[in-house]
Amino acid sequence: EGGRVPDDAPRTVGDAMEVVRRLKLRYLWVDQYCIDQGNASELHQQ
């Protein structure tokens, strides 16, 4: 199930989220968090 991006996420991911907010957008796609890395079939499909 989708959850929350952890507070200890890599700095680049956290900074990218800040860039999205400053661009007046709302959503960000990051492979590490938007694809379930533990689900082989989903990983292959995405």
All heavy atoms as atom14 arrays in JSON, in Angstrom:
{
  "sequence": "EGGRVPDDAPRTVGDAMEVVRRLKLRYLWVDQYCIDQGNASELHQQ",
  "atom14_mask": [
    [1, 1, 1, 1, 1, 1, 1, 1, 1, 0, 0, 0, 0, 0],
    [1, 1, 1, 1, 0, 0, 0, 0, 0, 0, 0, 0, 0, 0],
    [1, 1, 1, 1, 0, 0, 0, 0, 0, 0, 0, 0, 0, 0],
    [1, 1, 1, 1, 1, 1, 1, 1, 1, 1, 1, 0, 0, 0],
    [1, 1, 1, 1, 1, 1, 1, 0, 0, 0, 0, 0, 0, 0],
    [1, 1, 1, 1, 1, 1, 1, 0, 0, 0, 0, 0, 0, 0],
    [1, 1, 1, 1, 1, 1, 1, 1, 0, 0, 0, 0, 0, 0],
    [1, 1, 1, 1, 1, 1, 1, 1, 0, 0, 0, 0, 0, 0],
    [1, 1, 1, 1, 1, 0, 0, 0, 0, 0, 0, 0, 0, 0],
    [1, 1, 1, 1, 1, 1, 1, 0, 0, 0, 0, 0, 0, 0],
    [1, 1, 1, 1, 1, 1, 1, 1, 1, 1, 1, 0, 0, 0],
    [1, 1, 1, 1, 1, 1, 1, 0, 0, 0, 0, 0, 0, 0],
    [1, 1, 1, 1, 1, 1, 1, 0, 0, 0, 0, 0, 0, 0],
    [1, 1, 1, 1, 0, 0, 0, 0, 0, 0, 0, 0, 0, 0],
    [1, 1, 1, 1, 1, 1, 1, 1, 0, 0, 0, 0, 0, 0],
    [1, 1, 1, 1, 1, 0, 0, 0, 0, 0, 0, 0, 0, 0],
    [1, 1, 1, 1, 1, 1, 1, 1, 0, 0, 0, 0, 0, 0],
    [1, 1, 1, 1, 1, 1, 1, 1, 1, 0, 0, 0, 0, 0],
    [1, 1, 1, 1, 1, 1, 1, 0, 0, 0, 0, 0, 0, 0],
    [1, 1, 1, 1, 1, 1, 1, 0, 0, 0, 0, 0, 0, 0],
    [1, 1, 1, 1, 1, 1, 1, 1, 1, 1, 1, 0, 0, 0],
    [1, 1, 1, 1, 1, 1, 1, 1, 1, 1, 1, 0, 0, 0],
    [1, 1, 1, 1, 1, 1, 1, 1, 0, 0, 0, 0, 0, 0],
    [1, 1, 1, 1, 1, 1, 1, 1, 1, 0, 0, 0, 0, 0],
    [1, 1, 1, 1, 1, 1, 1, 1, 0, 0, 0, 0, 0, 0],
    [1, 1, 1, 1, 1, 1, 1, 1, 1, 1, 1, 0, 0, 0],
    [1, 1, 1, 1, 1, 1, 1, 1, 1, 1, 1, 1, 0, 0],
    [1, 1, 1, 1, 1, 1, 1, 1, 0, 0, 0, 0, 0, 0],
    [1, 1, 1, 1, 1, 1, 1, 1, 1, 1, 1, 1, 1, 1],
    [1, 1, 1, 1, 1, 1, 1, 0, 0, 0, 0, 0, 0, 0],
    [1, 1, 1, 1, 1, 1, 1, 1, 0, 0, 0, 0, 0, 0],
    [1, 1, 1, 1, 1, 1, 1, 1, 1, 0, 0, 0, 0, 0],
    [1, 1, 1, 1, 1, 1, 1, 1, 1, 1, 1, 1, 0, 0],
    [1, 1, 1, 1, 1, 1, 0, 0, 0, 0, 0, 0, 0, 0],
    [1, 1, 1, 1, 1, 1, 1, 1, 0, 0, 0, 0, 0, 0],
    [1, 1, 1, 1, 1, 1, 1, 1, 0, 0, 0, 0, 0, 0],
    [1, 1, 1, 1, 1, 1, 1, 1, 1, 0, 0, 0, 0, 0],
    [1, 1, 1, 1, 0, 0, 0, 0, 0, 0, 0, 0, 0, 0],
    [1, 1, 1, 1, 1, 1, 1, 1, 0, 0, 0, 0, 0, 0],
    [1, 1, 1, 1, 1, 0, 0, 0, 0, 0, 0, 0, 0, 0],
    [1, 1, 1, 1, 1, 1, 0, 0, 0, 0, 0, 0, 0, 0],
    [1, 1, 1, 1, 1, 1, 1, 1, 1, 0, 0, 0, 0, 0],
    [1, 1, 1, 1, 1, 1, 1, 1, 0, 0, 0, 0, 0, 0],
    [1, 1, 1, 1, 1, 1, 1, 1, 1, 1, 0, 0, 0, 0],
    [1, 1, 1, 1, 1, 1, 1, 1, 1, 0, 0, 0, 0, 0],
    [1, 1, 1, 1, 1, 1, 1, 1, 1, 0, 0, 0, 0, 0]
  ],
  "atom14_positions": [
    [[0.83, -1.19, 0.0], [0.0, 0.0, 0.0], [0.87, 1.25, 0.0], [1.92, 1.29, 0.63], [-0.91, 0.01, 1.24], [-1.9, -1.14, 1.28], [-2.89, -1.09, 0.12], [-3.24, 0.01, -0.31], [-3.31, -2.16, -0.34], [0.0, 0.0, 0.0], [0.0, 0.0, 0.0], [0.0, 0.0, 0.0], [0.0, 0.0, 0.0], [0.0, 0.0, 0.0]],
    [[0.4, 2.27, -0.68], [1.14, 3.52, -0.69], [1.18, 4.13, 0.69], [0.22, 4.07, 1.45], [0.0, 0.0, 0.0], [0.0, 0.0, 0.0], [0.0, 0.0, 0.0], [0.0, 0.0, 0.0], [0.0, 0.0, 0.0], [0.0, 0.0, 0.0], [0.0, 0.0, 0.0], [0.0, 0.0, 0.0], [0.0, 0.0, 0.0], [0.0, 0.0, 0.0]],
    [[2.31, 4.7, 1.06], [2.46, 5.29, 2.38], [3.0, 6.69, 2.29], [2.74, 7.41, 1.32], [0.0, 0.0, 0.0], [0.0, 0.0, 0.0], [0.0, 0.0, 0.0], [0.0, 0.0, 0.0], [0.0, 0.0, 0.0], [0.0, 0.0, 0.0], [0.0, 0.0, 0.0], [0.0, 0.0, 0.0], [0.0, 0.0, 0.0], [0.0, 0.0, 0.0]],
    [[3.78, 7.08, 3.26], [4.34, 8.42, 3.34], [5.82, 8.37, 3.04], [6.53, 7.46, 3.49], [4.09, 8.99, 4.75], [4.55, 10.41, 4.96], [4.23, 10.87, 6.37], [4.56, 12.27, 6.58], [5.79, 12.71, 6.9], [6.78, 11.84, 7.05], [6.02, 13.99, 7.07], [0.0, 0.0, 0.0], [0.0, 0.0, 0.0], [0.0, 0.0, 0.0]],
    [[6.3, 9.35, 2.29], [7.74, 9.44, 2.03], [8.43, 9.71, 3.37], [8.09, 10.67, 4.06], [8.06, 10.55, 1.02], [9.57, 10.71, 0.86], [7.41, 10.26, -0.32], [0.0, 0.0, 0.0], [0.0, 0.0, 0.0], [0.0, 0.0, 0.0], [0.0, 0.0, 0.0], [0.0, 0.0, 0.0], [0.0, 0.0, 0.0], [0.0, 0.0, 0.0]],
    [[9.37, 8.87, 3.77], [9.97, 9.0, 5.1], [10.78, 10.29, 5.25], [11.25, 10.87, 4.27], [10.86, 7.76, 5.2], [11.16, 7.39, 3.79], [9.92, 7.74, 3.0], [0.0, 0.0, 0.0], [0.0, 0.0, 0.0], [0.0, 0.0, 0.0], [0.0, 0.0, 0.0], [0.0, 0.0, 0.0], [0.0, 0.0, 0.0], [0.0, 0.0, 0.0]],
    [[10.92, 10.71, 6.5], [11.68, 11.93, 6.77], [13.16, 11.78, 6.43], [13.85, 12.77, 6.21], [11.53, 12.32, 8.25], [10.09, 12.74, 8.58], [9.39, 13.22, 7.67], [9.68, 12.56, 9.74], [0.0, 0.0, 0.0], [0.0, 0.0, 0.0], [0.0, 0.0, 0.0], [0.0, 0.0, 0.0], [0.0, 0.0, 0.0], [0.0, 0.0, 0.0]],
    [[13.65, 10.52, 6.41], [15.06, 10.3, 6.08], [15.26, 9.99, 4.6], [16.26, 9.39, 4.21], [15.64, 9.17, 6.94], [15.01, 7.82, 6.64], [13.92, 7.79, 6.02], [15.59, 6.79, 7.02], [0.0, 0.0, 0.0], [0.0, 0.0, 0.0], [0.0, 0.0, 0.0], [0.0, 0.0, 0.0], [0.0, 0.0, 0.0], [0.0, 0.0, 0.0]],
    [[14.32, 10.42, 3.76], [14.48, 10.24, 2.32], [15.74, 10.96, 1.85], [16.18, 11.94, 2.46], [13.26, 10.79, 1.58], [0.0, 0.0, 0.0], [0.0, 0.0, 0.0], [0.0, 0.0, 0.0], [0.0, 0.0, 0.0], [0.0, 0.0, 0.0], [0.0, 0.0, 0.0], [0.0, 0.0, 0.0], [0.0, 0.0, 0.0], [0.0, 0.0, 0.0]],
    [[16.36, 10.5, 0.78], [17.56, 11.16, 0.27], [17.32, 12.66, 0.04], [16.23, 13.08, -0.33], [17.83, 10.43, -1.05], [17.24, 9.08, -0.85], [16.02, 9.3, -0.01], [0.0, 0.0, 0.0], [0.0, 0.0, 0.0], [0.0, 0.0, 0.0], [0.0, 0.0, 0.0], [0.0, 0.0, 0.0], [0.0, 0.0, 0.0], [0.0, 0.0, 0.0]],
    [[18.36, 13.43, 0.26], [18.26, 14.88, 0.19], [17.75, 15.35, -1.17], [16.95, 16.31, -1.24], [19.63, 15.49, 0.48], [19.63, 17.01, 0.58], [21.01, 17.5, 0.96], [21.41, 17.0, 2.27], [22.63, 17.14, 2.79], [23.57, 17.76, 2.08], [22.91, 16.68, 3.98], [0.0, 0.0, 0.0], [0.0, 0.0, 0.0], [0.0, 0.0, 0.0]],
    [[18.17, 14.69, -2.25], [17.72, 15.1, -3.58], [16.21, 14.96, -3.71], [15.55, 15.81, -4.34], [18.44, 14.27, -4.66], [19.85, 14.57, -4.61], [17.92, 14.59, -6.05], [0.0, 0.0, 0.0], [0.0, 0.0, 0.0], [0.0, 0.0, 0.0], [0.0, 0.0, 0.0], [0.0, 0.0, 0.0], [0.0, 0.0, 0.0], [0.0, 0.0, 0.0]],
    [[15.65, 13.92, -3.14], [14.2, 13.72, -3.21], [13.48, 14.82, -2.43], [12.51, 15.41, -2.9], [13.81, 12.33, -2.67], [12.28, 12.18, -2.63], [14.43, 11.24, -3.54], [0.0, 0.0, 0.0], [0.0, 0.0, 0.0], [0.0, 0.0, 0.0], [0.0, 0.0, 0.0], [0.0, 0.0, 0.0], [0.0, 0.0, 0.0], [0.0, 0.0, 0.0]],
    [[13.96, 15.11, -1.22], [13.36, 16.17, -0.42], [13.44, 17.52, -1.11], [12.48, 18.29, -1.1], [0.0, 0.0, 0.0], [0.0, 0.0, 0.0], [0.0, 0.0, 0.0], [0.0, 0.0, 0.0], [0.0, 0.0, 0.0], [0.0, 0.0, 0.0], [0.0, 0.0, 0.0], [0.0, 0.0, 0.0], [0.0, 0.0, 0.0], [0.0, 0.0, 0.0]],
    [[14.58, 17.81, -1.72], [14.74, 19.09, -2.44], [13.82, 19.15, -3.65], [13.26, 20.2, -3.97], [16.19, 19.27, -2.87], [17.12, 19.61, -1.71], [16.63, 19.85, -0.6], [18.35, 19.64, -1.93], [0.0, 0.0, 0.0], [0.0, 0.0, 0.0], [0.0, 0.0, 0.0], [0.0, 0.0, 0.0], [0.0, 0.0, 0.0], [0.0, 0.0, 0.0]],
    [[13.65, 18.02, -4.34], [12.77, 18.0, -5.51], [11.33, 18.29, -5.1], [10.59, 18.98, -5.82], [12.86, 16.65, -6.22], [0.0, 0.0, 0.0], [0.0, 0.0, 0.0], [0.0, 0.0, 0.0], [0.0, 0.0, 0.0], [0.0, 0.0, 0.0], [0.0, 0.0, 0.0], [0.0, 0.0, 0.0], [0.0, 0.0, 0.0], [0.0, 0.0, 0.0]],
    [[10.92, 17.79, -3.94], [9.57, 18.08, -3.44], [9.41, 19.58, -3.17], [8.37, 20.16, -3.45], [9.3, 17.26, -2.17], [9.21, 15.76, -2.43], [9.15, 14.77, -0.92], [7.57, 15.28, -0.26], [0.0, 0.0, 0.0], [0.0, 0.0, 0.0], [0.0, 0.0, 0.0], [0.0, 0.0, 0.0], [0.0, 0.0, 0.0], [0.0, 0.0, 0.0]],
    [[10.46, 20.21, -2.67], [10.42, 21.65, -2.44], [10.34, 22.42, -3.76], [9.62, 23.41, -3.88], [11.65, 22.09, -1.64], [11.74, 23.59, -1.38], [10.6, 24.12, -0.52], [9.91, 23.32, 0.16], [10.38, 25.34, -0.54], [0.0, 0.0, 0.0], [0.0, 0.0, 0.0], [0.0, 0.0, 0.0], [0.0, 0.0, 0.0], [0.0, 0.0, 0.0]],
    [[11.07, 21.96, -4.77], [11.0, 22.6, -6.09], [9.58, 22.51, -6.64], [9.06, 23.48, -7.19], [11.99, 21.93, -7.07], [11.77, 22.43, -8.49], [13.43, 22.21, -6.64], [0.0, 0.0, 0.0], [0.0, 0.0, 0.0], [0.0, 0.0, 0.0], [0.0, 0.0, 0.0], [0.0, 0.0, 0.0], [0.0, 0.0, 0.0], [0.0, 0.0, 0.0]],
    [[8.94, 21.35, -6.49], [7.57, 21.18, -6.97], [6.64, 22.2, -6.3], [5.82, 22.84, -6.95], [7.08, 19.75, -6.71], [5.57, 19.63, -6.93], [7.82, 18.77, -7.61], [0.0, 0.0, 0.0], [0.0, 0.0, 0.0], [0.0, 0.0, 0.0], [0.0, 0.0, 0.0], [0.0, 0.0, 0.0], [0.0, 0.0, 0.0], [0.0, 0.0, 0.0]],
    [[6.8, 22.36, -5.0], [5.94, 23.32, -4.28], [6.2, 24.74, -4.77], [5.26, 25.52, -4.94], [6.18, 23.2, -2.77], [5.64, 21.9, -2.16], [5.7, 21.93, -0.65], [7.06, 21.8, -0.15], [7.61, 20.65, 0.22], [6.93, 19.52, 0.15], [8.85, 20.61, 0.68], [0.0, 0.0, 0.0], [0.0, 0.0, 0.0], [0.0, 0.0, 0.0]],
    [[7.45, 25.09, -5.0], [7.76, 26.45, -5.44], [7.31, 26.7, -6.87], [7.06, 27.85, -7.26], [9.27, 26.7, -5.32], [9.77, 26.69, -3.89], [11.19, 27.21, -3.83], [11.83, 26.93, -2.55], [13.02, 27.38, -2.21], [13.72, 28.12, -3.07], [13.56, 27.08, -1.04], [0.0, 0.0, 0.0], [0.0, 0.0, 0.0], [0.0, 0.0, 0.0]],
    [[7.2, 25.65, -7.67], [6.7, 25.79, -9.03], [5.18, 25.85, -9.07], [4.59, 25.93, -10.16], [7.18, 24.61, -9.89], [8.67, 24.54, -10.22], [8.99, 23.27, -11.01], [9.12, 25.78, -11.0], [0.0, 0.0, 0.0], [0.0, 0.0, 0.0], [0.0, 0.0, 0.0], [0.0, 0.0, 0.0], [0.0, 0.0, 0.0], [0.0, 0.0, 0.0]],
    [[4.56, 25.81, -7.9], [3.1, 25.84, -7.79], [2.45, 24.6, -8.39], [1.31, 24.62, -8.85], [2.52, 27.1, -8.47], [3.12, 28.4, -7.95], [2.93, 28.58, -6.45], [3.48, 29.92, -5.98], [3.4, 30.09, -4.5], [0.0, 0.0, 0.0], [0.0, 0.0, 0.0], [0.0, 0.0, 0.0], [0.0, 0.0, 0.0], [0.0, 0.0, 0.0]],
    [[3.2, 23.49, -8.39], [2.64, 22.2, -8.73], [2.35, 21.47, -7.42], [2.56, 22.0, -6.34], [3.62, 21.39, -9.6], [3.96, 22.0, -10.97], [5.05, 21.19, -11.66], [2.72, 22.06, -11.85], [0.0, 0.0, 0.0], [0.0, 0.0, 0.0], [0.0, 0.0, 0.0], [0.0, 0.0, 0.0], [0.0, 0.0, 0.0], [0.0, 0.0, 0.0]],
    [[1.87, 20.24, -7.51], [1.56, 19.51, -6.29], [2.15, 18.11, -6.25], [2.52, 17.62, -5.19], [0.04, 19.41, -6.13], [-0.41, 18.67, -4.88], [-1.9, 18.8, -4.65], [-2.31, 18.07, -3.46], [-3.55, 18.08, -2.97], [-4.5, 18.78, -3.59], [-3.84, 17.39, -1.88], [0.0, 0.0, 0.0], [0.0, 0.0, 0.0], [0.0, 0.0, 0.0]],
    [[2.3, 17.5, -7.43], [2.66, 16.08, -7.46], [4.04, 15.87, -8.07], [4.47, 16.59, -8.97], [1.62, 15.3, -8.25], [0.22, 15.39, -7.67], [-0.75, 16.18, -8.28], [-0.11, 14.7, -6.5], [-2.02, 16.29, -7.75], [-1.39, 14.8, -5.97], [-2.34, 15.59, -6.58], [-3.59, 15.7, -6.04], [0.0, 0.0, 0.0], [0.0, 0.0, 0.0]],
    [[4.71, 14.85, -7.56], [6.05, 14.49, -8.01], [6.14, 12.98, -8.18], [5.68, 12.23, -7.31], [7.1, 14.96, -7.0], [8.55, 14.51, -7.22], [9.13, 15.16, -8.48], [9.42, 14.85, -6.0], [0.0, 0.0, 0.0], [0.0, 0.0, 0.0], [0.0, 0.0, 0.0], [0.0, 0.0, 0.0], [0.0, 0.0, 0.0], [0.0, 0.0, 0.0]],
    [[6.74, 12.55, -9.29], [6.97, 11.11, -9.51], [8.44, 10.81, -9.28], [9.32, 11.41, -9.9], [6.57, 10.72, -10.94], [6.6, 9.23, -11.15], [5.58, 8.34, -10.97], [7.72, 8.46, -11.6], [6.0, 7.06, -11.26], [7.31, 7.11, -11.64], [9.03, 8.78, -11.95], [8.15, 6.07, -12.04], [9.89, 7.75, -12.33], [9.45, 6.42, -12.38]],
    [[8.7, 9.88, -8.37], [10.06, 9.42, -8.07], [10.02, 7.91, -8.06], [9.24, 7.31, -7.31], [10.55, 9.94, -6.69], [11.98, 9.48, -6.43], [10.45, 11.45, -6.61], [0.0, 0.0, 0.0], [0.0, 0.0, 0.0], [0.0, 0.0, 0.0], [0.0, 0.0, 0.0], [0.0, 0.0, 0.0], [0.0, 0.0, 0.0], [0.0, 0.0, 0.0]],
    [[10.83, 7.27, -8.88], [10.74, 5.82, -9.02], [10.87, 5.07, -7.69], [10.15, 4.11, -7.43], [11.79, 5.32, -10.03], [13.22, 5.75, -9.7], [13.44, 6.43, -8.67], [14.13, 5.41, -10.49], [0.0, 0.0, 0.0], [0.0, 0.0, 0.0], [0.0, 0.0, 0.0], [0.0, 0.0, 0.0], [0.0, 0.0, 0.0], [0.0, 0.0, 0.0]],
    [[11.78, 5.52, -6.84], [12.04, 4.82, -5.58], [10.8, 4.71, -4.7], [10.6, 3.72, -4.0], [13.16, 5.5, -4.81], [13.54, 4.76, -3.53], [14.61, 5.47, -2.73], [15.06, 6.53, -3.13], [15.01, 4.9, -1.62], [0.0, 0.0, 0.0], [0.0, 0.0, 0.0], [0.0, 0.0, 0.0], [0.0, 0.0, 0.0], [0.0, 0.0, 0.0]],
    [[9.95, 5.73, -4.75], [8.8, 5.76, -3.86], [7.46, 5.54, -4.56], [6.47, 5.2, -3.92], [8.76, 7.1, -3.11], [9.95, 7.26, -2.22], [10.95, 8.18, -2.52], [10.12, 6.46, -1.09], [12.07, 8.3, -1.72], [11.23, 6.57, -0.29], [12.21, 7.49, -0.6], [13.32, 7.61, 0.19], [0.0, 0.0, 0.0], [0.0, 0.0, 0.0]],
    [[7.42, 5.72, -5.87], [6.15, 5.57, -6.59], [6.0, 4.2, -7.24], [4.95, 3.88, -7.79], [6.02, 6.67, -7.64], [5.94, 8.33, -6.91], [0.0, 0.0, 0.0], [0.0, 0.0, 0.0], [0.0, 0.0, 0.0], [0.0, 0.0, 0.0], [0.0, 0.0, 0.0], [0.0, 0.0, 0.0], [0.0, 0.0, 0.0], [0.0, 0.0, 0.0]],
    [[7.05, 3.4, -7.21], [6.99, 2.01, -7.65], [7.32, 1.14, -6.45], [8.31, 1.39, -5.75], [8.0, 1.72, -8.78], [7.74, 2.63, -9.99], [7.93, 0.26, -9.2], [8.76, 2.48, -11.11], [0.0, 0.0, 0.0], [0.0, 0.0, 0.0], [0.0, 0.0, 0.0], [0.0, 0.0, 0.0], [0.0, 0.0, 0.0], [0.0, 0.0, 0.0]],
    [[6.51, 0.14, -6.19], [6.77, -0.77, -5.09], [7.97, -1.63, -5.47], [7.86, -2.56, -6.27], [5.54, -1.65, -4.83], [5.7, -2.51, -3.58], [6.83, -2.59, -3.05], [4.7, -3.11, -3.15], [0.0, 0.0, 0.0], [0.0, 0.0, 0.0], [0.0, 0.0, 0.0], [0.0, 0.0, 0.0], [0.0, 0.0, 0.0], [0.0, 0.0, 0.0]],
    [[9.14, -1.3, -4.92], [10.37, -1.98, -5.29], [10.38, -3.45, -4.86], [11.19, -4.24, -5.35], [11.57, -1.25, -4.67], [11.68, 0.22, -5.06], [11.95, 0.43, -6.53], [12.71, -0.29, -7.16], [11.29, 1.44, -7.11], [0.0, 0.0, 0.0], [0.0, 0.0, 0.0], [0.0, 0.0, 0.0], [0.0, 0.0, 0.0], [0.0, 0.0, 0.0]],
    [[9.49, -3.82, -3.98], [9.43, -5.21, -3.52], [8.45, -6.06, -4.31], [8.3, -7.26, -4.05], [0.0, 0.0, 0.0], [0.0, 0.0, 0.0], [0.0, 0.0, 0.0], [0.0, 0.0, 0.0], [0.0, 0.0, 0.0], [0.0, 0.0, 0.0], [0.0, 0.0, 0.0], [0.0, 0.0, 0.0], [0.0, 0.0, 0.0], [0.0, 0.0, 0.0]],
    [[7.77, -5.46, -5.29], [6.79, -6.16, -6.1], [7.37, -6.33, -7.5], [7.38, -5.39, -8.29], [5.48, -5.37, -6.14], [4.36, -6.1, -6.86], [4.6, -6.81, -7.83], [3.14, -5.93, -6.37], [0.0, 0.0, 0.0], [0.0, 0.0, 0.0], [0.0, 0.0, 0.0], [0.0, 0.0, 0.0], [0.0, 0.0, 0.0], [0.0, 0.0, 0.0]],
    [[7.85, -7.54, -7.81], [8.56, -7.77, -9.07], [7.69, -7.51, -10.29], [8.15, -6.92, -11.28], [9.1, -9.2, -9.11], [0.0, 0.0, 0.0], [0.0, 0.0, 0.0], [0.0, 0.0, 0.0], [0.0, 0.0, 0.0], [0.0, 0.0, 0.0], [0.0, 0.0, 0.0], [0.0, 0.0, 0.0], [0.0, 0.0, 0.0], [0.0, 0.0, 0.0]],
    [[6.43, -7.92, -10.25], [5.55, -7.73, -11.42], [5.25, -6.25, -11.65], [5.24, -5.77, -12.79], [4.25, -8.52, -11.25], [3.54, -8.08, -10.11], [0.0, 0.0, 0.0], [0.0, 0.0, 0.0], [0.0, 0.0, 0.0], [0.0, 0.0, 0.0], [0.0, 0.0, 0.0], [0.0, 0.0, 0.0], [0.0, 0.0, 0.0], [0.0, 0.0, 0.0]],
    [[5.01, -5.51, -10.55], [4.76, -4.08, -10.69], [6.01, -3.36, -11.18], [5.94, -2.47, -12.03], [4.3, -3.47, -9.36], [4.08, -1.97, -9.45], [3.61, -1.35, -8.14], [2.89, -2.01, -7.39], [3.98, -0.18, -7.88], [0.0, 0.0, 0.0], [0.0, 0.0, 0.0], [0.0, 0.0, 0.0], [0.0, 0.0, 0.0], [0.0, 0.0, 0.0]],
    [[7.15, -3.75, -10.64], [8.41, -3.12, -11.05], [8.62, -3.32, -12.55], [8.96, -2.37, -13.27], [9.57, -3.72, -10.25], [10.95, -3.13, -10.48], [10.98, -1.65, -10.1], [12.0, -3.9, -9.68], [0.0, 0.0, 0.0], [0.0, 0.0, 0.0], [0.0, 0.0, 0.0], [0.0, 0.0, 0.0], [0.0, 0.0, 0.0], [0.0, 0.0, 0.0]],
    [[8.38, -4.53, -13.05], [8.56, -4.81, -14.48], [7.58, -4.01, -15.31], [7.95, -3.41, -16.34], [8.37, -6.31, -14.74], [8.41, -6.66, -16.19], [9.58, -6.71, -16.92], [7.4, -6.95, -17.08], [9.3, -7.02, -18.18], [7.99, -7.17, -18.3], [0.0, 0.0, 0.0], [0.0, 0.0, 0.0], [0.0, 0.0, 0.0], [0.0, 0.0, 0.0]],
    [[6.32, -3.95, -14.86], [5.3, -3.23, -15.62], [5.59, -1.74, -15.7], [5.48, -1.12, -16.75], [3.91, -3.47, -14.98], [2.74, -2.87, -15.75], [2.35, -1.48, -15.27], [2.68, -1.1, -14.14], [1.67, -0.72, -16.12], [0.0, 0.0, 0.0], [0.0, 0.0, 0.0], [0.0, 0.0, 0.0], [0.0, 0.0, 0.0], [0.0, 0.0, 0.0]],
    [[5.99, -1.14, -14.57], [6.26, 0.3, -14.54], [7.53, 0.65, -15.3], [7.58, 1.68, -15.99], [6.34, 0.78, -13.09], [5.04, 0.71, -12.33], [4.05, 1.78, -12.77], [4.37, 2.96, -12.81], [2.84, 1.36, -13.12], [0.0, 0.0, 0.0], [0.0, 0.0, 0.0], [0.0, 0.0, 0.0], [0.0, 0.0, 0.0], [0.0, 0.0, 0.0]]
  ]
}
